[in-house]
Every structure is written in structure tokens, then in C-alpha cells.
Amino acid sequence: MHVRFTGTGRAQLLAALSFVRNENPAAAKVLLRRFTRRLRNLRRFPYSGKRLPNLRRGAYRELVIHPYRVFYRVQRPTIWVVAVWHSAQEPRRQ
């Protein structure tokens, strides 16, 4: 399986990393490593994230990479990261 980002998902991830880097460059490197490791694991276990039944009949899943929530959808052979939100944010209803 391949992990790919939608335009929105990529922009949100880059914005989060940029924000953290501006506050603490070392913390941004740690966060990037955590994202990389968890997304690599997701390739092996695409259904490991929590199912979100209230978003499009459960088609989306959530992976927590504290303090961020990564929302994704599995469309074999691709895992699409559609959003990256800080845990204080609420996902929009689709």
C-alpha cells in the first residue's frame, strides 16, 4: 500500500510542522519523525486507525499522532491522508 496526501492533507501537515518549527525547531524534527514512523506503519496496517462511522458511512479513519489527528481513507492500493488536525479541532462533517 502507498500513503499519499490530498492537497488539503499535505497543506495541513506542512502548516503544522511549520508552526512547531517556528516555536521549537528540535520539536518539529521529533514530530516529523513521529509522523514518518506512524505513516510507514499505516502502510502495513491500513485499517489500524479508529473508524469514524459518522463521516461518510465509516469510510474515514483516524490515526492519532499526539497532539494531531490524521484522517485518512483506504482506497486500495492507496491510503489517502485527507486531513491533519490539531486534537483541539473538530472534524467537519462531510
PDB file of N, CA and C in Angstrom:
ATOM      1  N   MET A   1       0.853  -1.177   0.000  1.00  0.00           N
ATOM      2  CA  MET A   1       0.000   0.000   0.000  1.00  0.00           C
ATOM      3  C   MET A   1       0.902   1.245   0.000  1.00  0.00           C
ATOM      4  N   HIS A   2       0.362   2.295  -0.575  1.00  0.00           N
ATOM      5  CA  HIS A   2       1.077   3.562  -0.638  1.00  0.00           C
ATOM      6  C   HIS A   2       0.297   4.612   0.148  1.00  0.00           C
ATOM      7  N   VAL A   3       1.013   5.464   0.864  1.00  0.00           N
ATOM      8  CA  VAL A   3       0.381   6.581   1.560  1.00  0.00           C
ATOM      9  C   VAL A   3       0.572   7.825   0.707  1.00  0.00           C
ATOM     10  N   ARG A   4      -0.535   8.467   0.383  1.00  0.00           N
ATOM     11  CA  ARG A   4      -0.494   9.689  -0.413  1.00  0.00           C
ATOM     12  C   ARG A   4      -1.348  10.736   0.308  1.00  0.00           C
ATOM     13  N   PHE A   5      -1.068  11.983   0.005  1.00  0.00           N
ATOM     14  CA  PHE A   5      -1.790  13.087   0.626  1.00  0.00           C
ATOM     15  C   PHE A   5      -2.654  13.792  -0.402  1.00  0.00           C
ATOM     16  N   THR A   6      -3.858  14.179   0.006  1.00  0.00           N
ATOM     17  CA  THR A   6      -4.629  15.105  -0.803  1.00  0.00           C
ATOM     18  C   THR A   6      -3.960  16.470  -0.656  1.00  0.00           C
ATOM     19  N   GLY A   7      -4.313  17.411  -1.491  1.00  0.00           N
ATOM     20  CA  GLY A   7      -3.752  18.751  -1.375  1.00  0.00           C
ATOM     21  C   GLY A   7      -3.997  19.359  -0.006  1.00  0.00           C
ATOM     22  N   THR A   8      -5.206  19.179   0.502  1.00  0.00           N
ATOM     23  CA  THR A   8      -5.557  19.717   1.816  1.00  0.00           C
ATOM     24  C   THR A   8      -4.763  19.035   2.920  1.00  0.00           C
ATOM     25  N   GLY A   9      -4.689  17.719   2.859  1.00  0.00           N
ATOM     26  CA  GLY A   9      -3.939  16.975   3.877  1.00  0.00           C
ATOM     27  C   GLY A   9      -2.479  17.382   3.924  1.00  0.00           C
ATOM     28  N   ARG A  10      -1.864  17.515   2.756  1.00  0.00           N
ATOM     29  CA  ARG A  10      -0.454  17.931   2.688  1.00  0.00           C
ATOM     30  C   ARG A  10      -0.277  19.341   3.234  1.00  0.00           C
ATOM     31  N   ALA A  11      -1.158  20.263   2.844  1.00  0.00           N
ATOM     32  CA  ALA A  11      -1.065  21.646   3.311  1.00  0.00           C
ATOM     33  C   ALA A  11      -1.213  21.724   4.832  1.00  0.00           C
ATOM     34  N   GLN A  12      -2.121  20.948   5.390  1.00  0.00           N
ATOM     35  CA  GLN A  12      -2.328  20.977   6.833  1.00  0.00           C
ATOM     36  C   GLN A  12      -1.127  20.401   7.578  1.00  0.00           C
ATOM     37  N   LEU A  13      -0.544  19.320   7.055  1.00  0.00           N
ATOM     38  CA  LEU A  13       0.643  18.751   7.681  1.00  0.00           C
ATOM     39  C   LEU A  13       1.799  19.749   7.633  1.00  0.00           C
ATOM     40  N   LEU A  14       2.031  20.343   6.481  1.00  0.00           N
ATOM     41  CA  LEU A  14       3.120  21.306   6.343  1.00  0.00           C
ATOM     42  C   LEU A  14       2.908  22.532   7.233  1.00  0.00           C
ATOM     43  N   ALA A  15       1.675  22.977   7.360  1.00  0.00           N
ATOM     44  CA  ALA A  15       1.370  24.118   8.234  1.00  0.00           C
ATOM     45  C   ALA A  15       1.646  23.771   9.697  1.00  0.00           C
ATOM     46  N   ALA A  16       1.264  22.566  10.101  1.00  0.00           N
ATOM     47  CA  ALA A  16       1.512  22.136  11.481  1.00  0.00           C
ATOM     48  C   ALA A  16       3.010  22.069  11.761  1.00  0.00           C
ATOM     49  N   LEU A  17       3.764  21.468  10.838  1.00  0.00           N
ATOM     50  CA  LEU A  17       5.212  21.362  11.021  1.00  0.00           C
ATOM     51  C   LEU A  17       5.868  22.744  11.026  1.00  0.00           C
ATOM     52  N   SER A  18       5.400  23.625  10.185  1.00  0.00           N
ATOM     53  CA  SER A  18       5.936  24.980  10.127  1.00  0.00           C
ATOM     54  C   SER A  18       5.673  25.734  11.432  1.00  0.00           C
ATOM     55  N   PHE A  19       4.471  25.593  11.957  1.00  0.00           N
ATOM     56  CA  PHE A  19       4.121  26.247  13.214  1.00  0.00           C
ATOM     57  C   PHE A  19       5.035  25.770  14.338  1.00  0.00           C
ATOM     58  N   VAL A  20       5.188  24.448  14.441  1.00  0.00           N
ATOM     59  CA  VAL A  20       6.029  23.893  15.503  1.00  0.00           C
ATOM     60  C   VAL A  20       7.487  24.311  15.294  1.00  0.00           C
ATOM     61  N   ARG A  21       7.950  24.291  14.058  1.00  0.00           N
ATOM     62  CA  ARG A  21       9.341  24.675  13.760  1.00  0.00           C
ATOM     63  C   ARG A  21       9.617  26.123  14.174  1.00  0.00           C
ATOM     64  N   ASN A  22       8.648  27.006  13.963  1.00  0.00           N
ATOM     65  CA  ASN A  22       8.833  28.403  14.360  1.00  0.00           C
ATOM     66  C   ASN A  22       8.941  28.562  15.875  1.00  0.00           C
ATOM     67  N   GLU A  23       8.249  27.708  16.610  1.00  0.00           N
ATOM     68  CA  GLU A  23       8.281  27.759  18.073  1.00  0.00           C
ATOM     69  C   GLU A  23       9.478  27.002  18.649  1.00  0.00           C
ATOM     70  N   ASN A  24       9.797  25.831  18.025  1.00  0.00           N
ATOM     71  CA  ASN A  24      10.837  24.958  18.573  1.00  0.00           C
ATOM     72  C   ASN A  24      11.337  24.028  17.467  1.00  0.00           C
ATOM     73  N   PRO A  25      12.427  24.380  16.797  1.00  0.00           N
ATOM     74  CA  PRO A  25      12.925  23.572  15.681  1.00  0.00           C
ATOM     75  C   PRO A  25      13.221  22.114  16.048  1.00  0.00           C
ATOM     76  N   ALA A  26      13.723  21.874  17.239  1.00  0.00           N
ATOM     77  CA  ALA A  26      14.016  20.492  17.653  1.00  0.00           C
ATOM     78  C   ALA A  26      12.720  19.686  17.787  1.00  0.00           C
ATOM     79  N   ALA A  27      11.699  20.304  18.315  1.00  0.00           N
ATOM     80  CA  ALA A  27      10.407  19.619  18.463  1.00  0.00           C
ATOM     81  C   ALA A  27       9.805  19.302  17.099  1.00  0.00           C
ATOM     82  N   ALA A  28      10.017  20.166  16.130  1.00  0.00           N
ATOM     83  CA  ALA A  28       9.497  19.912  14.775  1.00  0.00           C
ATOM     84  C   ALA A  28      10.160  18.683  14.172  1.00  0.00           C
ATOM     85  N   LYS A  29      11.452  18.501  14.417  1.00  0.00           N
ATOM     86  CA  LYS A  29      12.147  17.309  13.909  1.00  0.00           C
ATOM     87  C   LYS A  29      11.603  16.040  14.551  1.00  0.00           C
ATOM     88  N   VAL A  30      11.348  16.111  15.837  1.00  0.00           N
ATOM     89  CA  VAL A  30      10.773  14.961  16.544  1.00  0.00           C
ATOM     90  C   VAL A  30       9.384  14.651  15.998  1.00  0.00           C
ATOM     91  N   LEU A  31       8.573  15.688  15.803  1.00  0.00           N
ATOM     92  CA  LEU A  31       7.223  15.494  15.278  1.00  0.00           C
ATOM     93  C   LEU A  31       7.264  14.894  13.879  1.00  0.00           C
ATOM     94  N   LEU A  32       8.147  15.376  13.032  1.00  0.00           N
ATOM     95  CA  LEU A  32       8.276  14.827  11.688  1.00  0.00           C
ATOM     96  C   LEU A  32       8.664  13.355  11.736  1.00  0.00           C
ATOM     97  N   ARG A  33       9.567  12.981  12.608  1.00  0.00           N
ATOM     98  CA  ARG A  33       9.948  11.561  12.743  1.00  0.00           C
ATOM     99  C   ARG A  33       8.766  10.721  13.196  1.00  0.00           C
ATOM    100  N   ARG A  34       7.979  11.258  14.136  1.00  0.00           N
ATOM    101  CA  ARG A  34       6.802  10.514  14.604  1.00  0.00           C
ATOM    102  C   ARG A  34       5.797  10.334  13.477  1.00  0.00           C
ATOM    103  N   PHE A  35       5.542  11.390  12.703  1.00  0.00           N
ATOM    104  CA  PHE A  35       4.626  11.273  11.563  1.00  0.00           C
ATOM    105  C   PHE A  35       5.145  10.230  10.569  1.00  0.00           C
ATOM    106  N   THR A  36       6.424  10.311  10.252  1.00  0.00           N
ATOM    107  CA  THR A  36       7.011   9.392   9.279  1.00  0.00           C
ATOM    108  C   THR A  36       6.888   7.949   9.741  1.00  0.00           C
ATOM    109  N   ARG A  37       7.232   7.696  10.991  1.00  0.00           N
ATOM    110  CA  ARG A  37       7.168   6.328  11.528  1.00  0.00           C
ATOM    111  C   ARG A  37       5.735   5.798  11.533  1.00  0.00           C
ATOM    112  N   ARG A  38       4.796   6.607  12.001  1.00  0.00           N
ATOM    113  CA  ARG A  38       3.403   6.141  12.094  1.00  0.00           C
ATOM    114  C   ARG A  38       2.780   5.933  10.714  1.00  0.00           C
ATOM    115  N   LEU A  39       3.103   6.810   9.762  1.00  0.00           N
ATOM    116  CA  LEU A  39       2.558   6.634   8.414  1.00  0.00           C
ATOM    117  C   LEU A  39       3.192   5.432   7.725  1.00  0.00           C
ATOM    118  N   ARG A  40       4.452   5.141   8.024  1.00  0.00           N
ATOM    119  CA  ARG A  40       5.086   3.939   7.492  1.00  0.00           C
ATOM    120  C   ARG A  40       4.387   2.689   8.041  1.00  0.00           C
ATOM    121  N   ASN A  41       4.058   2.701   9.328  1.00  0.00           N
ATOM    122  CA  ASN A  41       3.320   1.576   9.921  1.00  0.00           C
ATOM    123  C   ASN A  41       1.929   1.450   9.310  1.00  0.00           C
ATOM    124  N   LEU A  42       1.332   2.576   8.965  1.00  0.00           N
ATOM    125  CA  LEU A  42      -0.003   2.561   8.375  1.00  0.00           C
ATOM    126  C   LEU A  42      -0.001   1.819   7.039  1.00  0.00           C
ATOM    127  N   ARG A  43       1.101   1.903   6.304  1.00  0.00           N
ATOM    128  CA  ARG A  43       1.191   1.156   5.037  1.00  0.00           C
ATOM    129  C   ARG A  43       1.021  -0.332   5.280  1.00  0.00           C
ATOM    130  N   ARG A  44       1.566  -0.832   6.370  1.00  0.00           N
ATOM    131  CA  ARG A  44       1.464  -2.264   6.679  1.00  0.00           C
ATOM    132  C   ARG A  44       0.114  -2.629   7.293  1.00  0.00           C
ATOM    133  N   PHE A  45      -0.453  -1.702   8.041  1.00  0.00           N
ATOM    134  CA  PHE A  45      -1.706  -1.963   8.754  1.00  0.00           C
ATOM    135  C   PHE A  45      -2.705  -0.846   8.466  1.00  0.00           C
ATOM    136  N   PRO A  46      -3.238  -0.799   7.247  1.00  0.00           N
ATOM    137  CA  PRO A  46      -4.075   0.334   6.846  1.00  0.00           C
ATOM    138  C   PRO A  46      -5.376   0.481   7.615  1.00  0.00           C
ATOM    139  N   TYR A  47      -5.854  -0.571   8.234  1.00  0.00           N
ATOM    140  CA  TYR A  47      -7.116  -0.490   8.964  1.00  0.00           C
ATOM    141  C   TYR A  47      -6.906  -0.363  10.469  1.00  0.00           C
ATOM    142  N   SER A  48      -5.697   0.016  10.874  1.00  0.00           N
ATOM    143  CA  SER A  48      -5.389   0.113  12.297  1.00  0.00           C
ATOM    144  C   SER A  48      -5.960   1.367  12.940  1.00  0.00           C
ATOM    145  N   GLY A  49      -6.278   2.366  12.160  1.00  0.00           N
ATOM    146  CA  GLY A  49      -6.855   3.595  12.705  1.00  0.00           C
ATOM    147  C   GLY A  49      -8.300   3.398  13.130  1.00  0.00           C
ATOM    148  N   LYS A  50      -8.741   4.247  14.039  1.00  0.00           N
ATOM    149  CA  LYS A  50     -10.120   4.198  14.525  1.00  0.00           C
ATOM    150  C   LYS A  50     -11.077   4.562  13.404  1.00  0.00           C
ATOM    151  N   ARG A  51     -12.085   3.748  13.229  1.00  0.00           N
ATOM    152  CA  ARG A  51     -13.122   4.009  12.232  1.00  0.00           C
ATOM    153  C   ARG A  51     -14.000   5.165  12.679  1.00  0.00           C
ATOM    154  N   LEU A  52     -14.365   6.029  11.748  1.00  0.00           N
ATOM    155  CA  LEU A  52     -15.214   7.179  12.057  1.00  0.00           C
ATOM    156  C   LEU A  52     -16.562   7.004  11.361  1.00  0.00           C
ATOM    157  N   PRO A  53     -17.485   6.311  12.013  1.00  0.00           N
ATOM    158  CA  PRO A  53     -18.756   5.983  11.365  1.00  0.00           C
ATOM    159  C   PRO A  53     -19.616   7.183  11.028  1.00  0.00           C
ATOM    160  N   ASN A  54     -19.417   8.320  11.699  1.00  0.00           N
ATOM    161  CA  ASN A  54     -20.252   9.495  11.423  1.00  0.00           C
ATOM    162  C   ASN A  54     -19.765  10.302  10.220  1.00  0.00           C
ATOM    163  N   LEU A  55     -18.653   9.907   9.611  1.00  0.00           N
ATOM    164  CA  LEU A  55     -18.149  10.597   8.422  1.00  0.00           C
ATOM    165  C   LEU A  55     -18.278   9.674   7.215  1.00  0.00           C
ATOM    166  N   ARG A  56     -19.197  10.002   6.349  1.00  0.00           N
ATOM    167  CA  ARG A  56     -19.439   9.246   5.111  1.00  0.00           C
ATOM    168  C   ARG A  56     -19.530   7.737   5.343  1.00  0.00           C
ATOM    169  N   ARG A  57     -20.414   7.384   6.213  1.00  0.00           N
ATOM    170  CA  ARG A  57     -20.704   5.975   6.484  1.00  0.00           C
ATOM    171  C   ARG A  57     -19.470   5.154   6.834  1.00  0.00           C
ATOM    172  N   GLY A  58     -18.568   5.724   7.605  1.00  0.00           N
ATOM    173  CA  GLY A  58     -17.417   4.980   8.091  1.00  0.00           C
ATOM    174  C   GLY A  58     -16.279   4.816   7.104  1.00  0.00           C
ATOM    175  N   ALA A  59     -16.299   5.567   6.027  1.00  0.00           N
ATOM    176  CA  ALA A  59     -15.242   5.423   5.019  1.00  0.00           C
ATOM    177  C   ALA A  59     -13.925   6.022   5.498  1.00  0.00           C
ATOM    178  N   TYR A  60     -13.969   6.851   6.528  1.00  0.00           N
ATOM    179  CA  TYR A  60     -12.765   7.516   7.016  1.00  0.00           C
ATOM    180  C   TYR A  60     -12.309   6.906   8.329  1.00  0.00           C
ATOM    181  N   ARG A  61     -11.003   7.003   8.549  1.00  0.00           N
ATOM    182  CA  ARG A  61     -10.399   6.509   9.776  1.00  0.00           C
ATOM    183  C   ARG A  61      -9.530   7.599  10.366  1.00  0.00           C
ATOM    184  N   GLU A  62      -9.197   7.427  11.627  1.00  0.00           N
ATOM    185  CA  GLU A  62      -8.402   8.416  12.337  1.00  0.00           C
ATOM    186  C   GLU A  62      -7.188   7.738  12.964  1.00  0.00           C
ATOM    187  N   LEU A  63      -6.042   8.357  12.780  1.00  0.00           N
ATOM    188  CA  LEU A  63      -4.799   7.923  13.399  1.00  0.00           C
ATOM    189  C   LEU A  63      -4.326   9.076  14.276  1.00  0.00           C
ATOM    190  N   VAL A  64      -4.106   8.818  15.549  1.00  0.00           N
ATOM    191  CA  VAL A  64      -3.669   9.868  16.459  1.00  0.00           C
ATOM    192  C   VAL A  64      -2.146   9.854  16.538  1.00  0.00           C
ATOM    193  N   ILE A  65      -1.570  11.005  16.222  1.00  0.00           N
ATOM    194  CA  ILE A  65      -0.142  11.240  16.392  1.00  0.00           C
ATOM    195  C   ILE A  65      -0.077  12.483  17.264  1.00  0.00           C
ATOM    196  N   HIS A  66      -0.128  12.260  18.540  1.00  0.00           N
ATOM    197  CA  HIS A  66      -0.325  13.314  19.530  1.00  0.00           C
ATOM    198  C   HIS A  66       0.588  14.498  19.292  1.00  0.00           C
ATOM    199  N   PRO A  67       0.035  15.714  19.283  1.00  0.00           N
ATOM    200  CA  PRO A  67      -1.350  16.105  19.541  1.00  0.00           C
ATOM    201  C   PRO A  67      -2.190  16.245  18.272  1.00  0.00           C
ATOM    202  N   TYR A  68      -1.812  15.555  17.199  1.00  0.00           N
ATOM    203  CA  TYR A  68      -2.516  15.680  15.925  1.00  0.00           C
ATOM    204  C   TYR A  68      -3.362  14.454  15.631  1.00  0.00           C
ATOM    205  N   ARG A  69      -4.411  14.702  14.863  1.00  0.00           N
ATOM    206  CA  ARG A  69      -5.293  13.639  14.392  1.00  0.00           C
ATOM    207  C   ARG A  69      -5.166  13.608  12.877  1.00  0.00           C
ATOM    208  N   VAL A  70      -4.861  12.456  12.349  1.00  0.00           N
ATOM    209  CA  VAL A  70      -4.697  12.273  10.907  1.00  0.00           C
ATOM    210  C   VAL A  70      -5.922  11.511  10.409  1.00  0.00           C
ATOM    211  N   PHE A  71      -6.661  12.117   9.495  1.00  0.00           N
ATOM    212  CA  PHE A  71      -7.854  11.486   8.934  1.00  0.00           C
ATOM    213  C   PHE A  71      -7.490  10.931   7.570  1.00  0.00           C
ATOM    214  N   TYR A  72      -7.865   9.679   7.343  1.00  0.00           N
ATOM    215  CA  TYR A  72      -7.494   9.041   6.085  1.00  0.00           C
ATOM    216  C   TYR A  72      -8.588   8.108   5.597  1.00  0.00           C
ATOM    217  N   ARG A  73      -8.433   7.717   4.345  1.00  0.00           N
ATOM    218  CA  ARG A  73      -9.372   6.811   3.693  1.00  0.00           C
ATOM    219  C   ARG A  73      -8.563   5.782   2.913  1.00  0.00           C
ATOM    220  N   VAL A  74      -8.939   4.528   3.020  1.00  0.00           N
ATOM    221  CA  VAL A  74      -8.245   3.460   2.305  1.00  0.00           C
ATOM    222  C   VAL A  74      -8.981   3.204   0.997  1.00  0.00           C
ATOM    223  N   GLN A  75      -8.272   3.392  -0.106  1.00  0.00           N
ATOM    224  CA  GLN A  75      -8.781   3.071  -1.435  1.00  0.00           C
ATOM    225  C   GLN A  75      -7.673   2.280  -2.117  1.00  0.00           C
ATOM    226  N   ARG A  76      -7.685   0.986  -1.885  1.00  0.00           N
ATOM    227  CA  ARG A  76      -6.597   0.135  -2.371  1.00  0.00           C
ATOM    228  C   ARG A  76      -6.222   0.438  -3.795  1.00  0.00           C
ATOM    229  N   PRO A  77      -4.962   0.570  -4.098  1.00  0.00           N
ATOM    230  CA  PRO A  77      -3.777   0.299  -3.273  1.00  0.00           C
ATOM    231  C   PRO A  77      -3.232   1.536  -2.573  1.00  0.00           C
ATOM    232  N   THR A  78      -4.084   2.531  -2.325  1.00  0.00           N
ATOM    233  CA  THR A  78      -3.613   3.791  -1.762  1.00  0.00           C
ATOM    234  C   THR A  78      -4.336   4.123  -0.467  1.00  0.00           C
ATOM    235  N   ILE A  79      -3.593   4.682   0.457  1.00  0.00           N
ATOM    236  CA  ILE A  79      -4.144   5.258   1.682  1.00  0.00           C
ATOM    237  C   ILE A  79      -4.064   6.770   1.486  1.00  0.00           C
ATOM    238  N   TRP A  80      -5.210   7.432   1.456  1.00  0.00           N
ATOM    239  CA  TRP A  80      -5.259   8.873   1.207  1.00  0.00           C
ATOM    240  C   TRP A  80      -5.379   9.614   2.526  1.00  0.00           C
ATOM    241  N   VAL A  81      -4.383  10.413   2.868  1.00  0.00           N
ATOM    242  CA  VAL A  81      -4.459  11.284   4.034  1.00  0.00           C
ATOM    243  C   VAL A  81      -5.209  12.522   3.577  1.00  0.00           C
ATOM    244  N   VAL A  82      -6.387  12.729   4.150  1.00  0.00           N
ATOM    245  CA  VAL A  82      -7.247  13.819   3.697  1.00  0.00           C
ATOM    246  C   VAL A  82      -7.201  15.042   4.608  1.00  0.00           C
ATOM    247  N   ALA A  83      -6.775  14.853   5.860  1.00  0.00           N
ATOM    248  CA  ALA A  83      -6.720  15.992   6.782  1.00  0.00           C
ATOM    249  C   ALA A  83      -5.780  15.691   7.935  1.00  0.00           C
ATOM    250  N   VAL A  84      -5.170  16.743   8.437  1.00  0.00           N
ATOM    251  CA  VAL A  84      -4.327  16.672   9.628  1.00  0.00           C
ATOM    252  C   VAL A  84      -4.780  17.816  10.523  1.00  0.00           C
ATOM    253  N   TRP A  85      -5.345  17.459  11.664  1.00  0.00           N
ATOM    254  CA  TRP A  85      -5.913  18.457  12.564  1.00  0.00           C
ATOM    255  C   TRP A  85      -5.243  18.369  13.924  1.00  0.00           C
ATOM    256  N   HIS A  86      -5.107  19.506  14.567  1.00  0.00           N
ATOM    257  CA  HIS A  86      -4.684  19.504  15.962  1.00  0.00           C
ATOM    258  C   HIS A  86      -5.824  18.890  16.760  1.00  0.00           C
ATOM    259  N   SER A  87      -5.505  18.189  17.828  1.00  0.00           N
ATOM    260  CA  SER A  87      -6.548  17.473  18.575  1.00  0.00           C
ATOM    261  C   SER A  87      -7.605  18.398  19.182  1.00  0.00           C
ATOM    262  N   ALA A  88      -7.319  19.673  19.291  1.00  0.00           N
ATOM    263  CA  ALA A  88      -8.320  20.614  19.820  1.00  0.00           C
ATOM    264  C   ALA A  88      -9.379  20.959  18.770  1.00  0.00           C
ATOM    265  N   GLN A  89      -9.129  20.627  17.517  1.00  0.00           N
ATOM    266  CA  GLN A  89     -10.087  20.933  16.452  1.00  0.00           C
ATOM    267  C   GLN A  89     -11.090  19.800  16.283  1.00  0.00           C
ATOM    268  N   GLU A  90     -12.238  20.132  15.787  1.00  0.00           N
ATOM    269  CA  GLU A  90     -13.273  19.140  15.479  1.00  0.00           C
ATOM    270  C   GLU A  90     -13.332  18.944  13.976  1.00  0.00           C
ATOM    271  N   PRO A  91     -13.425  17.692  13.503  1.00  0.00           N
ATOM    272  CA  PRO A  91     -13.535  17.479  12.051  1.00  0.00           C
ATOM    273  C   PRO A  91     -14.857  18.000  11.517  1.00  0.00           C
ATOM    274  N   ARG A  92     -14.816  18.474  10.292  1.00  0.00           N
ATOM    275  CA  ARG A  92     -16.050  18.929   9.638  1.00  0.00           C
ATOM    276  C   ARG A  92     -16.851  17.727   9.167  1.00  0.00           C
ATOM    277  N   ARG A  93     -18.139  17.865   9.216  1.00  0.00           N
ATOM    278  CA  ARG A  93     -18.999  16.790   8.696  1.00  0.00           C
ATOM    279  C   ARG A  93     -18.986  16.815   7.198  1.00  0.00           C
ATOM    280  N   GLN A  94     -18.875  15.638   6.580  1.00  0.00           N
ATOM    281  CA  GLN A  94     -18.833  15.522   5.117  1.00  0.00           C
ATOM    282  C   GLN A  94     -20.185  15.074   4.616  1.00  0.00           C
TER     283      GLN A  94
END
